[in-house]
Amino acid sequence: MPWLVRGDEVLGPLEVATSLASRSKGLLGRDRIDGALLLRPAMSVHTLRMRFPIDVAFCDADLVVVDVATMAPWRLGRPRLRSRSIIEAEAGAFARWRLRPGDHLEIRP
């Protein structure tokens, strides 16, 4: 499983959803996630039918964080025009990781 990394700091395990089916399902049906989920390509997300709140990082094509948000279940997120991929994690994960706009993330095996 790949890892989400910022510089030399490993943030957590990363699941990657690139197919339409895997992006559409996202975190639906789960009670939690260890680490994060990368949706690529993506400009927006929703939390309809979600069981838990999530942190959302909107990233550009180079995985630089453009914006971050926390979304409660049953919400529609607004698109971020510069976003090309989205990273989702359980609410509170980004605070623990000190993830902020401008951070450059990487995916490592």
C-alpha atoms as a PDB file:
ATOM      1  CA  MET A   1       0.000   0.000   0.000  1.00  0.00           C
ATOM      2  CA  PRO A   2       1.375   3.450  -0.823  1.00  0.00           C
ATOM      3  CA  TRP A   3       2.059   6.124   1.789  1.00  0.00           C
ATOM      4  CA  LEU A   4       1.098   9.796   1.914  1.00  0.00           C
ATOM      5  CA  VAL A   5       4.250  11.808   2.593  1.00  0.00           C
ATOM      6  CA  ARG A   6       5.125  15.482   3.157  1.00  0.00           C
ATOM      7  CA  GLY A   7       8.868  16.000   2.834  1.00  0.00           C
ATOM      8  CA  ASP A   8      10.433  13.280   5.000  1.00  0.00           C
ATOM      9  CA  GLU A   9       7.322  12.904   7.193  1.00  0.00           C
ATOM     10  CA  VAL A  10       5.025   9.932   6.585  1.00  0.00           C
ATOM     11  CA  LEU A  11       1.456  11.081   7.233  1.00  0.00           C
ATOM     12  CA  GLY A  12      -0.256   7.724   6.821  1.00  0.00           C
ATOM     13  CA  PRO A  13      -1.246   4.868   4.532  1.00  0.00           C
ATOM     14  CA  LEU A  14      -2.957   5.954   1.322  1.00  0.00           C
ATOM     15  CA  GLU A  15      -5.627   4.267  -0.747  1.00  0.00           C
ATOM     16  CA  VAL A  16      -5.842   5.504  -4.340  1.00  0.00           C
ATOM     17  CA  ALA A  17      -9.146   5.708  -6.229  1.00  0.00           C
ATOM     18  CA  THR A  18      -8.642   6.471  -9.918  1.00  0.00           C
ATOM     19  CA  SER A  19     -11.464   4.581 -11.622  1.00  0.00           C
ATOM     20  CA  LEU A  20     -14.902   6.146 -11.918  1.00  0.00           C
ATOM     21  CA  ALA A  21     -16.397   3.358  -9.805  1.00  0.00           C
ATOM     22  CA  SER A  22     -13.830   3.661  -6.996  1.00  0.00           C
ATOM     23  CA  ARG A  23     -14.060   7.481  -6.965  1.00  0.00           C
ATOM     24  CA  SER A  24     -17.860   7.324  -6.903  1.00  0.00           C
ATOM     25  CA  LYS A  25     -17.850   4.949  -3.945  1.00  0.00           C
ATOM     26  CA  GLY A  26     -15.137   6.796  -2.040  1.00  0.00           C
ATOM     27  CA  LEU A  27     -15.664   6.266   1.683  1.00  0.00           C
ATOM     28  CA  LEU A  28     -19.351   5.344   1.413  1.00  0.00           C
ATOM     29  CA  GLY A  29     -20.310   2.340   3.507  1.00  0.00           C
ATOM     30  CA  ARG A  30     -17.330   2.643   5.832  1.00  0.00           C
ATOM     31  CA  ASP A  31     -17.315   3.485   9.518  1.00  0.00           C
ATOM     32  CA  ARG A  32     -13.768   4.877   9.437  1.00  0.00           C
ATOM     33  CA  ILE A  33     -10.521   4.967   7.482  1.00  0.00           C
ATOM     34  CA  ASP A  34      -6.947   4.438   8.608  1.00  0.00           C
ATOM     35  CA  GLY A  35      -4.850   6.972   6.765  1.00  0.00           C
ATOM     36  CA  ALA A  36      -6.360   8.659   3.722  1.00  0.00           C
ATOM     37  CA  LEU A  37      -8.033   8.169   0.365  1.00  0.00           C
ATOM     38  CA  LEU A  38      -6.854   9.933  -2.798  1.00  0.00           C
ATOM     39  CA  LEU A  39      -9.504  10.678  -5.433  1.00  0.00           C
ATOM     40  CA  ARG A  40      -7.954  11.487  -8.789  1.00  0.00           C
ATOM     41  CA  PRO A  41      -9.173  13.329 -10.826  1.00  0.00           C
ATOM     42  CA  ALA A  42     -11.583  15.326  -8.632  1.00  0.00           C
ATOM     43  CA  MET A  43     -12.587  18.939  -8.024  1.00  0.00           C
ATOM     44  CA  SER A  44     -15.300  18.466  -5.396  1.00  0.00           C
ATOM     45  CA  VAL A  45     -16.812  15.901  -3.034  1.00  0.00           C
ATOM     46  CA  HIS A  46     -19.987  15.300  -1.098  1.00  0.00           C
ATOM     47  CA  THR A  47     -20.685  13.477   2.132  1.00  0.00           C
ATOM     48  CA  LEU A  48     -24.194  12.271   1.297  1.00  0.00           C
ATOM     49  CA  ARG A  49     -24.829   8.942   3.059  1.00  0.00           C
ATOM     50  CA  MET A  50     -21.477   9.172   4.876  1.00  0.00           C
ATOM     51  CA  ARG A  51     -21.275   7.729   8.375  1.00  0.00           C
ATOM     52  CA  PHE A  52     -18.597  10.047   9.765  1.00  0.00           C
ATOM     53  CA  PRO A  53     -17.191  13.563   9.227  1.00  0.00           C
ATOM     54  CA  ILE A  54     -14.117  13.903   7.021  1.00  0.00           C
ATOM     55  CA  ASP A  55     -11.216  16.241   6.381  1.00  0.00           C
ATOM     56  CA  VAL A  56     -10.833  17.147   2.712  1.00  0.00           C
ATOM     57  CA  ALA A  57      -7.665  18.463   1.039  1.00  0.00           C
ATOM     58  CA  PHE A  58      -8.082  19.911  -2.434  1.00  0.00           C
ATOM     59  CA  CYS A  59      -4.805  19.504  -4.336  1.00  0.00           C
ATOM     60  CA  ASP A  60      -3.492  20.749  -7.673  1.00  0.00           C
ATOM     61  CA  ALA A  61      -1.903  18.543 -10.345  1.00  0.00           C
ATOM     62  CA  ASP A  62       1.393  18.437  -8.403  1.00  0.00           C
ATOM     63  CA  LEU A  63      -0.320  17.449  -5.101  1.00  0.00           C
ATOM     64  CA  VAL A  64       0.156  20.892  -3.577  1.00  0.00           C
ATOM     65  CA  VAL A  65      -2.681  21.536  -1.133  1.00  0.00           C
ATOM     66  CA  VAL A  66      -4.890  24.352  -2.454  1.00  0.00           C
ATOM     67  CA  ASP A  67      -7.521  24.324   0.307  1.00  0.00           C
ATOM     68  CA  VAL A  68      -8.653  22.211   3.251  1.00  0.00           C
ATOM     69  CA  ALA A  69     -12.095  21.731   4.774  1.00  0.00           C
ATOM     70  CA  THR A  70     -13.873  19.561   7.297  1.00  0.00           C
ATOM     71  CA  MET A  71     -17.230  18.226   6.140  1.00  0.00           C
ATOM     72  CA  ALA A  72     -20.002  16.752   8.256  1.00  0.00           C
ATOM     73  CA  PRO A  73     -22.115  13.919   6.830  1.00  0.00           C
ATOM     74  CA  TRP A  74     -24.883  14.856   4.392  1.00  0.00           C
ATOM     75  CA  ARG A  75     -23.159  17.924   2.929  1.00  0.00           C
ATOM     76  CA  LEU A  76     -22.357  19.041  -0.626  1.00  0.00           C
ATOM     77  CA  GLY A  77     -18.899  20.503  -1.112  1.00  0.00           C
ATOM     78  CA  ARG A  78     -18.263  23.348  -3.489  1.00  0.00           C
ATOM     79  CA  PRO A  79     -15.725  22.725  -6.265  1.00  0.00           C
ATOM     80  CA  ARG A  80     -12.268  24.273  -6.117  1.00  0.00           C
ATOM     81  CA  LEU A  81     -11.338  25.219  -9.676  1.00  0.00           C
ATOM     82  CA  ARG A  82      -7.596  24.643  -9.178  1.00  0.00           C
ATOM     83  CA  SER A  83      -8.192  21.210  -7.655  1.00  0.00           C
ATOM     84  CA  ARG A  84      -7.185  18.155  -9.686  1.00  0.00           C
ATOM     85  CA  SER A  85      -7.255  15.617  -6.870  1.00  0.00           C
ATOM     86  CA  ILE A  86      -8.727  15.313  -3.400  1.00  0.00           C
ATOM     87  CA  ILE A  87      -7.454  13.624  -0.275  1.00  0.00           C
ATOM     88  CA  GLU A  88     -10.029  12.487   2.290  1.00  0.00           C
ATOM     89  CA  ALA A  89      -9.302  11.413   5.867  1.00  0.00           C
ATOM     90  CA  GLU A  90     -11.243  11.126   9.106  1.00  0.00           C
ATOM     91  CA  ALA A  91     -12.031  14.504  10.642  1.00  0.00           C
ATOM     92  CA  GLY A  92      -9.161  15.549  12.898  1.00  0.00           C
ATOM     93  CA  ALA A  93      -6.447  13.814  10.877  1.00  0.00           C
ATOM     94  CA  PHE A  94      -5.304  17.012   9.158  1.00  0.00           C
ATOM     95  CA  ALA A  95      -4.958  18.784  12.518  1.00  0.00           C
ATOM     96  CA  ARG A  96      -2.781  15.908  13.776  1.00  0.00           C
ATOM     97  CA  TRP A  97      -0.747  16.021  10.557  1.00  0.00           C
ATOM     98  CA  ARG A  98      -0.612  19.861  10.621  1.00  0.00           C
ATOM     99  CA  LEU A  99      -1.733  19.790   6.975  1.00  0.00           C
ATOM    100  CA  ARG A 100      -2.149  23.277   5.498  1.00  0.00           C
ATOM    101  CA  PRO A 101      -2.631  24.948   2.114  1.00  0.00           C
ATOM    102  CA  GLY A 102       0.732  25.181   0.381  1.00  0.00           C
ATOM    103  CA  ASP A 103       1.965  21.797   1.658  1.00  0.00           C
ATOM    104  CA  HIS A 104       3.473  19.656  -1.098  1.00  0.00           C
ATOM    105  CA  LEU A 105       2.463  16.008  -0.726  1.00  0.00           C
ATOM    106  CA  GLU A 106       3.893  12.894  -2.339  1.00  0.00           C
ATOM    107  CA  ILE A 107       2.826   9.303  -2.819  1.00  0.00           C
ATOM    108  CA  ARG A 108       5.545   6.789  -2.032  1.00  0.00           C
ATOM    109  CA  PRO A 109       5.461   2.997  -2.208  1.00  0.00           C
END
